C-alpha cells in the first residue's frame, strides 16, 4: 500500500476495456496522460469518459487491460490505496462539520501529523482561509466547490480527478472556477484529469484534450489542434460549429485538391490544402469554421484567391454582443453559419438579403465522406447525433456503481456502501 501511495509519473491506460453486461462502455483504450498535464476527457453523454475516470480512480475495475501510474500497476488496487483524489459534481461535504474540519477529515483519518495545519494550507490554496469556521450551508455554490477542491488537495495526491465538478454552477461561477482550476494547476504542477461534456470548458482549461465517442478516443491533441484541424466529422461538429458539404475530388495541383460541390445552377470548384485532408478518396467532406467566412452583398471579384459560394439568402440573424450569427441558405449546399465580429460600422445583414460567402482556402479541411454530415451535432433536446454507436447512452457514463443488490458487492467487487458519491470518506482517504 505504501509503495502505491508514493507512486508517481504518467497515467497510462493499456488496452483498457470496460463492459457492463452487454454494453461496451470503454473499448480497448490506449492513453498516456503525461505527468503534470491538465488533461480533459471530452465527449457527449454515454461516450465512456466518466467510466474511464472511475477506472483511474479505482471506483471501477477494468474488464480487461491495465491502469498504470508511472511504474506502478494500479489495476485491482482499491481507491483509498491510490495517490489519487476525486472531486465530483456533488460536493459531498459533511453538513455537521465546519469548513476547516471538512478539509481536515482526510489527514485525520490517515493519522497524518498536523492535520489542521494541512487543512489551513489547503484552504489558502483555494482562497477560503477566512471561511474555516463556517458550515457548508453558509457558503455559496462556488465556495462549496472550492471546499471540495481543498479537501481533495489536502492529501497532496499525485493525480487530481475532476468529474464534471462545475456542472451544477451557473455560467458566471463556472467561468470563475475555470480560472481558479487553471491557477491551482499552475501553482501545484500536479496531474489534473477533468471530465466534461462542455466543449468550451475543455478548450479553456486543458493543455491536452481527448475527444471520446463510442468508448474510444477519436482525436487527441491540444485545444487549438482539435479545433483547427478536426480529423472526423464528429470532431468538427462537436467542437464548436462547422460548415460541411460533400464534394468530388477532380484535380490535384500545388499542394491543393480541387473539389467540386453542387451550386444553384452549376457545380462549383473549391480548394482544400492536401495537408489538411484526412482522406485521399474520390469523395470528401469539405469543412470550414463559421468565423472564417466573410459575407458579401455582391459576388467577390477576387475568386482566384478565395473560395466562394452563392448566391444565397440570409434566413436568420442573431446578435450576440461581440459577434452576429447569420444563417445563410446556399442552394445545392444547405444552410451555412457565418460569424461576423461587430467591429465595423457597416449595416448588418437582414433576413431575405441576397449574399455570397467567401473564405481563404487555407482555412478549409477535408474529412471522410463516409461519415454522416450530422455526426456530432447537438440537437435542441441535448441529444448528440451519433450517440450510442459503440457505447450506449444508457450505459457508459450512466450505469456505474448503481446496479447492485442491497448490501452486496458491486460489479468490480467493491461494496456500494463505500461508493464515494454516497460516502465521502473514500474520496478523502
Protein backbone atom coordinates (compact mmCIF):
# COMPACT_ATOMS: atom_id res chain seq x y z
CA UNK A 1 0.00 0.00 0.00
CA UNK A 2 2.78 2.45 0.86
CA UNK A 3 4.54 1.92 -2.48
CA UNK A 4 1.34 2.62 -4.37
CA UNK A 5 0.62 5.69 -2.23
CA UNK A 6 4.03 7.08 -3.21
CA UNK A 7 3.70 6.20 -6.91
CA UNK A 8 4.21 8.96 -9.45
CA UNK A 9 4.64 9.50 -13.16
CA UNK A 10 2.48 9.39 -16.25
CA UNK A 11 -1.02 7.93 -16.05
CA UNK A 12 -1.22 5.15 -18.63
CA UNK A 13 -4.19 3.07 -19.76
CA UNK A 14 -3.06 -0.08 -21.55
CA UNK A 15 -5.79 -1.54 -23.80
CA UNK A 16 -8.42 -0.88 -21.14
CA UNK A 17 -11.92 -2.23 -21.76
CA UNK A 18 -14.97 -1.90 -19.52
CA UNK A 19 -18.26 -3.68 -20.16
CA UNK A 20 -21.50 -3.51 -18.18
CA UNK A 21 -23.27 -6.68 -19.22
CA UNK A 22 -23.73 -6.38 -22.98
CA UNK A 23 -22.88 -2.66 -23.02
CA UNK A 24 -19.30 -1.86 -24.01
CA UNK A 25 -18.58 1.40 -22.19
CA UNK A 26 -14.84 1.68 -22.92
CA UNK A 27 -13.27 -0.18 -25.84
CA UNK A 28 -9.56 -1.11 -25.92
CA UNK A 29 -8.48 2.34 -24.72
CA UNK A 30 -4.80 3.25 -25.15
CA UNK A 31 -3.96 6.53 -23.46
CA UNK A 32 -0.98 8.23 -21.81
CA UNK A 33 -1.52 11.34 -19.67
CA UNK A 34 1.89 12.99 -19.10
CA UNK A 35 2.74 13.85 -15.52
CA UNK A 36 1.81 17.42 -14.62
CA UNK A 37 -0.64 17.86 -17.50
CA UNK A 38 -4.08 19.45 -17.23
CA UNK A 39 -5.89 16.82 -19.28
CA UNK A 40 -9.55 16.82 -20.36
CA UNK A 41 -11.69 13.83 -21.31
CA UNK A 42 -14.38 15.37 -23.51
CA UNK A 43 -17.43 13.86 -25.15
CA UNK A 44 -21.21 13.51 -25.14
CA UNK A 45 -23.20 11.59 -22.56
CA UNK A 46 -22.51 7.88 -22.85
CA UNK A 47 -19.14 8.17 -24.61
CA UNK A 48 -17.22 6.45 -21.76
CA UNK A 49 -15.38 9.45 -20.30
CA UNK A 50 -16.68 9.14 -16.71
CA UNK A 51 -16.16 5.38 -16.75
CA UNK A 52 -12.56 5.99 -17.81
CA UNK A 53 -12.08 8.44 -14.94
CA UNK A 54 -13.59 5.99 -12.45
CA UNK A 55 -11.14 3.29 -13.57
CA UNK A 56 -8.22 5.67 -12.94
CA UNK A 57 -9.71 6.44 -9.51
CA UNK A 58 -10.24 2.77 -8.65
CA UNK A 59 -14.03 3.14 -8.38
CA UNK A 60 -14.42 0.72 -11.29
CA UNK A 61 -12.12 -2.12 -12.30
CA UNK A 62 -11.42 -2.78 -16.00
CA UNK A 63 -12.97 -5.81 -17.63
CA UNK A 64 -9.57 -6.18 -19.29
CA UNK A 65 -6.41 -4.11 -19.63
CA UNK A 66 -4.17 -2.38 -17.10
CA UNK A 67 -4.07 1.03 -15.38
CA UNK A 68 -0.59 2.36 -14.58
CA UNK A 69 0.81 5.33 -12.67
CA UNK A 70 4.47 5.61 -13.55
CA UNK A 71 5.94 2.16 -12.91
CA UNK A 72 3.14 1.11 -10.53
CA UNK A 73 0.34 -1.13 -11.80
CA UNK A 74 -2.81 0.21 -10.11
CA UNK A 75 -5.14 -2.40 -11.59
CA UNK A 76 -7.01 -4.07 -8.74
CA UNK A 77 -5.79 -1.52 -6.19
CA UNK A 78 -8.59 -0.02 -4.08
CA UNK A 79 -9.41 3.67 -4.48
CA UNK A 80 -8.21 4.60 -0.99
CA UNK A 81 -4.84 2.95 -1.67
CA UNK A 82 -4.11 5.10 -4.73
CA UNK A 83 -2.35 8.51 -4.70
CA UNK A 84 -5.45 9.88 -6.38
CA UNK A 85 -8.33 12.05 -5.16
CA UNK A 86 -11.60 12.82 -6.93
CA UNK A 87 -13.89 15.85 -6.97
CA UNK A 88 -17.45 15.12 -8.10
CA UNK A 89 -20.27 17.36 -9.26
CA UNK A 90 -21.96 16.61 -5.92
CA UNK A 91 -19.63 18.14 -3.34
CA UNK A 92 -20.33 15.53 -0.61
CA UNK A 93 -19.43 17.91 2.23
CA UNK A 94 -20.22 16.89 5.80
CA UNK A 95 -23.03 19.28 6.84
CA UNK A 96 -22.35 18.85 10.59
CA UNK A 97 -18.66 19.86 10.30
CA UNK A 98 -17.31 23.33 9.67
CA UNK A 99 -15.18 24.05 6.61
CA UNK A 100 -11.84 23.53 8.37
CA UNK A 101 -12.90 20.18 9.86
CA UNK A 102 -14.30 19.06 6.49
CA UNK A 103 -10.91 19.65 4.91
CA UNK A 104 -9.01 18.13 7.85
CA UNK A 105 -11.09 14.94 7.78
CA UNK A 106 -8.83 13.09 5.34
CA UNK A 107 -5.49 13.78 7.07
CA UNK A 108 -7.05 12.90 10.44
CA UNK A 109 -8.40 9.62 9.11
CA UNK A 110 -4.95 8.76 7.75
CA UNK A 111 -3.44 9.80 11.12
CA UNK A 112 -1.15 12.34 9.47
CA UNK A 113 0.59 14.88 11.73
CA UNK A 114 -0.59 18.50 11.76
CA UNK A 115 -3.96 17.73 10.16
CA UNK A 116 -5.36 21.18 10.96
CA UNK A 117 -2.27 22.94 9.60
CA UNK A 118 -2.55 20.93 6.40
CA UNK A 119 -6.22 21.87 6.13
CA UNK A 120 -5.43 25.56 6.66
CA UNK A 121 -2.82 25.45 3.87
CA UNK A 122 -5.32 23.77 1.55
CA UNK A 123 -7.91 26.46 2.28
CA UNK A 124 -5.29 29.11 1.50
CA UNK A 125 -4.74 27.42 -1.87
CA UNK A 126 -8.41 27.93 -2.77
CA UNK A 127 -8.53 31.37 -1.12
CA UNK A 128 -11.02 30.37 1.60
CA UNK A 129 -8.77 30.69 4.67
CA UNK A 130 -11.25 33.16 6.22
CA UNK A 131 -14.15 30.70 5.98
CA UNK A 132 -12.85 27.85 8.16
CA UNK A 133 -15.42 28.31 10.94
CA UNK A 134 -18.46 28.32 8.64
CA UNK A 135 -20.73 25.37 7.92
CA UNK A 136 -21.28 24.26 4.29
CA UNK A 137 -24.87 25.58 4.34
CA UNK A 138 -23.49 29.09 4.91
CA UNK A 139 -21.47 29.02 1.67
CA UNK A 140 -22.37 29.77 -1.93
CA UNK A 141 -22.21 27.03 -4.55
CA UNK A 142 -18.85 28.27 -5.81
CA UNK A 143 -17.44 28.36 -2.27
CA UNK A 144 -18.69 24.83 -1.57
CA UNK A 145 -16.96 23.66 -4.74
CA UNK A 146 -13.70 25.24 -3.60
CA UNK A 147 -14.02 23.48 -0.22
CA UNK A 148 -14.44 20.20 -2.11
CA UNK A 149 -11.28 21.05 -4.07
CA UNK A 150 -9.36 21.85 -0.87
CA UNK A 151 -10.48 18.57 0.66
CA UNK A 152 -9.23 16.68 -2.39
CA UNK A 153 -5.91 18.56 -2.43
CA UNK A 154 -5.12 18.37 1.30
CA UNK A 155 -3.70 14.84 0.98
CA UNK A 156 -1.36 16.05 -1.80
CA UNK A 157 -2.47 13.49 -4.39
CA UNK A 158 -0.26 12.74 -7.36
CA UNK A 159 -3.36 12.91 -9.58
CA UNK A 160 -6.48 15.03 -9.09
CA UNK A 161 -9.58 13.73 -10.89
CA UNK A 162 -12.43 16.14 -11.66
CA UNK A 163 -15.72 14.50 -12.67
CA UNK A 164 -17.80 17.35 -14.15
CA UNK A 165 -17.30 19.36 -10.93
CA UNK A 166 -18.58 22.63 -12.40
CA UNK A 167 -21.81 21.28 -13.89
CA UNK A 168 -24.04 22.49 -11.03
CA UNK A 169 -22.77 26.08 -11.14
CA UNK A 170 -24.27 28.95 -13.11
CA UNK A 171 -22.35 30.31 -16.10
CA UNK A 172 -20.59 33.15 -14.28
CA UNK A 173 -19.46 30.95 -11.38
CA UNK A 174 -18.42 28.22 -13.78
CA UNK A 175 -16.11 30.61 -15.61
CA UNK A 176 -14.66 31.87 -12.34
CA UNK A 177 -13.96 28.28 -11.26
CA UNK A 178 -12.30 27.53 -14.61
CA UNK A 179 -9.83 30.34 -13.89
CA UNK A 180 -9.40 29.01 -10.34
CA UNK A 181 -8.63 25.49 -11.57
CA UNK A 182 -6.01 26.67 -14.06
CA UNK A 183 -4.39 28.80 -11.34
CA UNK A 184 -4.26 25.84 -8.95
CA UNK A 185 -2.80 23.61 -11.64
CA UNK A 186 -0.02 26.08 -12.43
CA UNK A 187 0.72 26.53 -8.73
CA UNK A 188 0.79 22.83 -7.82
CA UNK A 189 2.19 21.30 -11.02
CA UNK A 190 0.27 18.06 -10.45
CA UNK A 191 -1.67 15.97 -12.95
CA UNK A 192 -5.28 17.10 -13.32
CA UNK A 193 -7.74 14.93 -15.27
CA UNK A 194 -11.02 16.71 -15.97
CA UNK A 195 -14.16 15.06 -17.38
CA UNK A 196 -16.69 17.28 -19.14
CA UNK A 197 -19.22 17.36 -21.97
CA UNK A 198 -18.76 21.14 -22.25
CA UNK A 199 -16.55 21.88 -25.27
CA UNK A 200 -15.84 25.48 -24.21
CA UNK A 201 -14.78 24.34 -20.75
CA UNK A 202 -12.37 21.71 -22.07
CA UNK A 203 -10.85 24.11 -24.60
CA UNK A 204 -10.46 26.84 -21.95
CA UNK A 205 -8.73 24.93 -19.16
CA UNK A 206 -6.90 21.92 -20.63
CA UNK A 207 -3.38 21.52 -22.03
CA UNK A 208 -4.44 18.34 -23.82
CA UNK A 209 -7.90 17.07 -24.78
CA UNK A 210 -9.03 13.54 -25.64
CA UNK A 211 -12.31 13.63 -27.56
CA UNK A 212 -14.29 10.43 -26.97
CA UNK A 213 -17.14 8.79 -28.85
CA UNK A 214 -18.48 5.27 -28.51
CA UNK A 215 -15.96 4.24 -25.83
CA UNK A 216 -12.94 5.23 -27.92
CA UNK A 217 -10.74 8.28 -28.41
CA UNK A 218 -11.47 9.78 -31.82
CA UNK A 219 -8.91 12.61 -31.59
CA UNK A 220 -6.20 13.65 -29.15
CA UNK A 221 -4.26 16.91 -29.05
CA UNK A 222 -4.11 20.42 -27.70
CA UNK A 223 -7.28 22.54 -27.99
CA UNK A 224 -6.04 24.55 -30.98
CA UNK A 225 -5.17 21.38 -32.92
CA UNK A 226 -8.54 19.79 -32.27
CA UNK A 227 -10.47 22.90 -33.24
CA UNK A 228 -8.44 23.98 -36.25
CA UNK A 229 -7.71 20.53 -37.69
CA UNK A 230 -10.53 18.12 -36.84
CA UNK A 231 -9.95 14.61 -38.15
CA UNK A 232 -13.56 13.43 -38.21
CA UNK A 233 -16.98 14.91 -38.90
CA UNK A 234 -17.83 14.11 -35.27
CA UNK A 235 -14.91 16.25 -34.06
CA UNK A 236 -15.74 19.08 -36.47
CA UNK A 237 -19.34 19.24 -35.26
CA UNK A 238 -18.87 18.52 -31.56
CA UNK A 239 -16.04 21.03 -31.08
CA UNK A 240 -17.83 24.25 -31.95
CA UNK A 241 -19.65 24.62 -35.26
CA UNK A 242 -18.59 23.65 -38.76
CA UNK A 243 -20.00 24.23 -42.22
CA UNK A 244 -19.77 20.99 -44.19
CA UNK A 245 -20.51 19.96 -47.77
CA UNK A 246 -19.76 16.77 -49.67
CA UNK A 247 -17.81 17.03 -52.89
CA UNK A 248 -15.90 15.12 -55.55
CA UNK A 249 -12.14 15.47 -55.99
CA UNK A 250 -11.46 16.48 -59.61
CA UNK A 251 -7.81 17.56 -59.61
CA UNK A 252 -4.66 17.96 -57.54
CA UNK A 253 -2.40 20.97 -58.00
CA UNK A 254 0.20 22.88 -56.00
CA UNK A 255 -0.48 21.22 -52.67
CA UNK A 256 -4.26 21.54 -53.06
CA UNK A 257 -7.13 19.29 -54.00
CA UNK A 258 -9.80 20.82 -56.23
CA UNK A 259 -13.22 19.66 -55.09
CA UNK A 260 -16.49 20.06 -57.00
CA UNK A 261 -19.59 20.79 -54.92
CA UNK A 262 -23.17 21.48 -56.04
CA UNK A 263 -24.19 25.07 -56.77
CA UNK A 264 -27.53 26.71 -57.61
CA UNK A 265 -27.22 26.09 -61.39
CA UNK A 266 -23.76 24.54 -61.86
CA UNK A 267 -21.03 22.77 -59.92
CA UNK A 268 -18.52 24.95 -58.07
CA UNK A 269 -14.82 24.19 -57.69
CA UNK A 270 -13.32 24.72 -54.22
CA UNK A 271 -9.75 24.22 -52.99
CA UNK A 272 -8.63 22.27 -49.91
CA UNK A 273 -4.98 22.02 -48.77
CA UNK A 274 -3.73 18.45 -49.07
CA UNK A 275 -2.10 18.63 -45.65
CA UNK A 276 -5.49 19.49 -44.12
CA UNK A 277 -7.22 16.45 -45.62
CA UNK A 278 -7.51 13.17 -43.74
CA UNK A 279 -8.80 11.25 -46.75
CA UNK A 280 -7.43 10.62 -50.23
CA UNK A 281 -10.59 9.09 -51.69
CA UNK A 282 -12.50 10.36 -54.73
CA UNK A 283 -15.13 11.86 -52.40
CA UNK A 284 -14.59 14.01 -49.34
CA UNK A 285 -16.45 16.29 -46.95
CA UNK A 286 -15.17 19.86 -47.15
CA UNK A 287 -15.42 21.90 -43.96
CA UNK A 288 -14.81 25.47 -42.81
CA UNK A 289 -15.49 27.19 -39.48
CA UNK A 290 -18.15 29.97 -39.34
CA UNK A 291 -15.73 32.67 -38.15
CA UNK A 292 -13.51 32.05 -41.20
CA UNK A 293 -16.29 33.12 -43.60
CA UNK A 294 -16.96 36.57 -45.00
CA UNK A 295 -20.32 37.70 -46.34
CA UNK A 296 -20.74 39.90 -49.44
CA UNK A 297 -23.75 41.69 -50.98
CA UNK A 298 -22.18 41.21 -54.46
CA UNK A 299 -20.19 38.33 -55.91
CA UNK A 300 -16.49 38.76 -54.98
CA UNK A 301 -14.21 39.56 -57.91
CA UNK A 302 -11.01 38.01 -56.48
CA UNK A 303 -12.20 34.42 -56.95
CA UNK A 304 -8.76 33.12 -57.83
CA UNK A 305 -7.51 33.67 -54.30
CA UNK A 306 -10.63 32.83 -52.28
CA UNK A 307 -13.29 30.13 -52.25
CA UNK A 308 -16.80 31.44 -52.96
CA UNK A 309 -20.31 30.01 -52.61
CA UNK A 310 -23.54 31.74 -53.57
CA UNK A 311 -25.70 33.49 -54.12
CA UNK A 312 -27.75 32.55 -51.10
CA UNK A 313 -30.26 34.18 -48.77
CA UNK A 314 -29.94 35.14 -45.12
CA UNK A 315 -32.65 33.22 -43.26
CA UNK A 316 -31.80 34.11 -39.65
CA UNK A 317 -29.83 36.77 -37.76
CA UNK A 318 -28.81 36.51 -34.07
CA UNK A 319 -26.96 39.35 -32.32
CA UNK A 320 -24.60 38.02 -29.63
CA UNK A 321 -22.75 41.10 -28.41
CA UNK A 322 -19.23 40.77 -29.79
CA UNK A 323 -20.45 38.95 -32.90
CA UNK A 324 -23.53 38.39 -35.03
CA UNK A 325 -24.52 34.93 -36.22
CA UNK A 326 -26.07 34.58 -39.67
CA UNK A 327 -27.70 31.50 -41.17
CA UNK A 328 -27.37 31.58 -44.96
CA UNK A 329 -29.33 29.24 -47.23
CA UNK A 330 -27.00 28.29 -50.10
CA UNK A 331 -28.87 26.41 -52.88
CA UNK A 332 -27.39 22.99 -53.52
CA UNK A 333 -25.23 23.19 -50.40
CA UNK A 334 -27.57 23.80 -47.47
CA UNK A 335 -27.71 26.26 -44.59
CA UNK A 336 -24.31 27.57 -43.51
CA UNK A 337 -23.44 29.59 -40.42
CA UNK A 338 -21.42 32.82 -40.58
CA UNK A 339 -19.97 34.58 -37.51
CA UNK A 340 -19.19 38.26 -38.08
CA UNK A 341 -17.38 40.32 -35.46
CA UNK A 342 -19.28 43.50 -34.59
CA UNK A 343 -16.19 45.63 -35.22
CA UNK A 344 -17.34 47.58 -38.28
CA UNK A 345 -19.88 50.34 -38.85
CA UNK A 346 -21.50 48.78 -41.90
CA UNK A 347 -25.18 47.91 -41.65
CA UNK A 348 -25.83 44.31 -40.56
CA UNK A 349 -27.46 41.87 -42.93
CA UNK A 350 -31.17 41.15 -42.62
CA UNK A 351 -33.29 38.06 -43.29
CA UNK A 352 -34.01 37.85 -47.02
CA UNK A 353 -30.81 39.63 -48.11
CA UNK A 354 -29.03 38.08 -51.11
CA UNK A 355 -25.39 37.30 -50.26
CA UNK A 356 -22.28 35.36 -51.23
CA UNK A 357 -19.88 33.79 -48.73
CA UNK A 358 -16.11 33.52 -49.19
CA UNK A 359 -13.09 32.24 -47.28
CA UNK A 360 -9.37 31.68 -47.59
CA UNK A 361 -8.90 28.08 -48.84
CA UNK A 362 -6.10 27.62 -46.29
CA UNK A 363 -8.78 27.55 -43.57
CA UNK A 364 -10.76 24.67 -45.08
CA UNK A 365 -10.28 21.00 -44.21
CA UNK A 366 -11.20 17.68 -45.83
CA UNK A 367 -12.83 14.76 -43.99
CA UNK A 368 -14.04 11.25 -44.78
CA UNK A 369 -17.18 11.46 -46.93
CA UNK A 370 -18.50 8.17 -45.50
CA UNK A 371 -19.23 9.78 -42.12
CA UNK A 372 -22.74 11.32 -41.83
CA UNK A 373 -22.71 15.12 -42.04
CA UNK A 374 -24.76 15.43 -38.84
CA UNK A 375 -22.48 13.20 -36.72
CA UNK A 376 -21.59 15.09 -33.54
CA UNK A 377 -24.18 17.86 -33.88
CA UNK A 378 -26.17 18.64 -30.75
CA UNK A 379 -29.94 18.86 -31.05
CA UNK A 380 -32.24 21.10 -29.01
CA UNK A 381 -33.03 18.23 -26.61
CA UNK A 382 -29.33 17.78 -25.82
CA UNK A 383 -29.00 14.58 -27.87
CA UNK A 384 -25.79 14.40 -29.88
CA UNK A 385 -26.08 12.77 -33.30
CA UNK A 386 -24.06 9.58 -33.22
CA UNK A 387 -24.68 8.86 -29.50
CA UNK A 388 -24.84 5.18 -28.77
CA UNK A 389 -22.57 3.99 -31.56
CA UNK A 390 -20.38 1.57 -29.64
CA UNK A 391 -21.24 2.77 -26.14
CA UNK A 392 -24.88 3.17 -25.28
CA UNK A 393 -26.14 6.46 -23.92
CA UNK A 394 -27.84 4.41 -21.23
CA UNK A 395 -24.62 2.59 -20.37
CA UNK A 396 -21.10 4.03 -20.37
CA UNK A 397 -21.40 7.03 -18.08
CA UNK A 398 -24.91 6.47 -16.72
CA UNK A 399 -24.65 2.97 -15.24
CA UNK A 400 -21.56 2.83 -13.00
CA UNK A 401 -21.87 1.77 -9.36
CA UNK A 402 -25.66 1.93 -9.26
CA UNK A 403 -26.81 -1.58 -10.19
CA UNK A 404 -26.17 -3.91 -7.26
CA UNK A 405 -28.03 -5.92 -4.70
CA UNK A 406 -28.59 -4.19 -1.37
CA UNK A 407 -25.57 -4.73 0.85
CA UNK A 408 -23.78 -6.84 -1.76
CA UNK A 409 -20.62 -6.33 -3.78
CA UNK A 410 -20.64 -4.15 -6.89
CA UNK A 411 -19.67 -5.30 -10.39
CA UNK A 412 -15.99 -4.70 -9.67
CA UNK A 413 -16.06 -6.46 -6.29
CA UNK A 414 -16.21 -3.27 -4.24
CA UNK A 415 -19.07 -2.56 -1.87
CA UNK A 416 -21.74 0.05 -2.56
CA UNK A 417 -21.62 1.37 0.97
CA UNK A 418 -18.07 2.54 0.12
CA UNK A 419 -19.19 4.36 -3.05
CA UNK A 420 -17.67 7.85 -2.98
CA UNK A 421 -20.80 9.57 -4.20
CA UNK A 422 -22.59 8.40 -1.05
CA UNK A 423 -19.66 8.07 1.33
CA UNK A 424 -17.17 10.96 1.15
CA UNK A 425 -14.66 9.02 3.26
CA UNK A 426 -13.44 7.15 0.22
CA UNK A 427 -12.63 10.40 -1.55
CA UNK A 428 -10.66 11.72 1.36
CA UNK A 429 -8.51 8.82 2.50
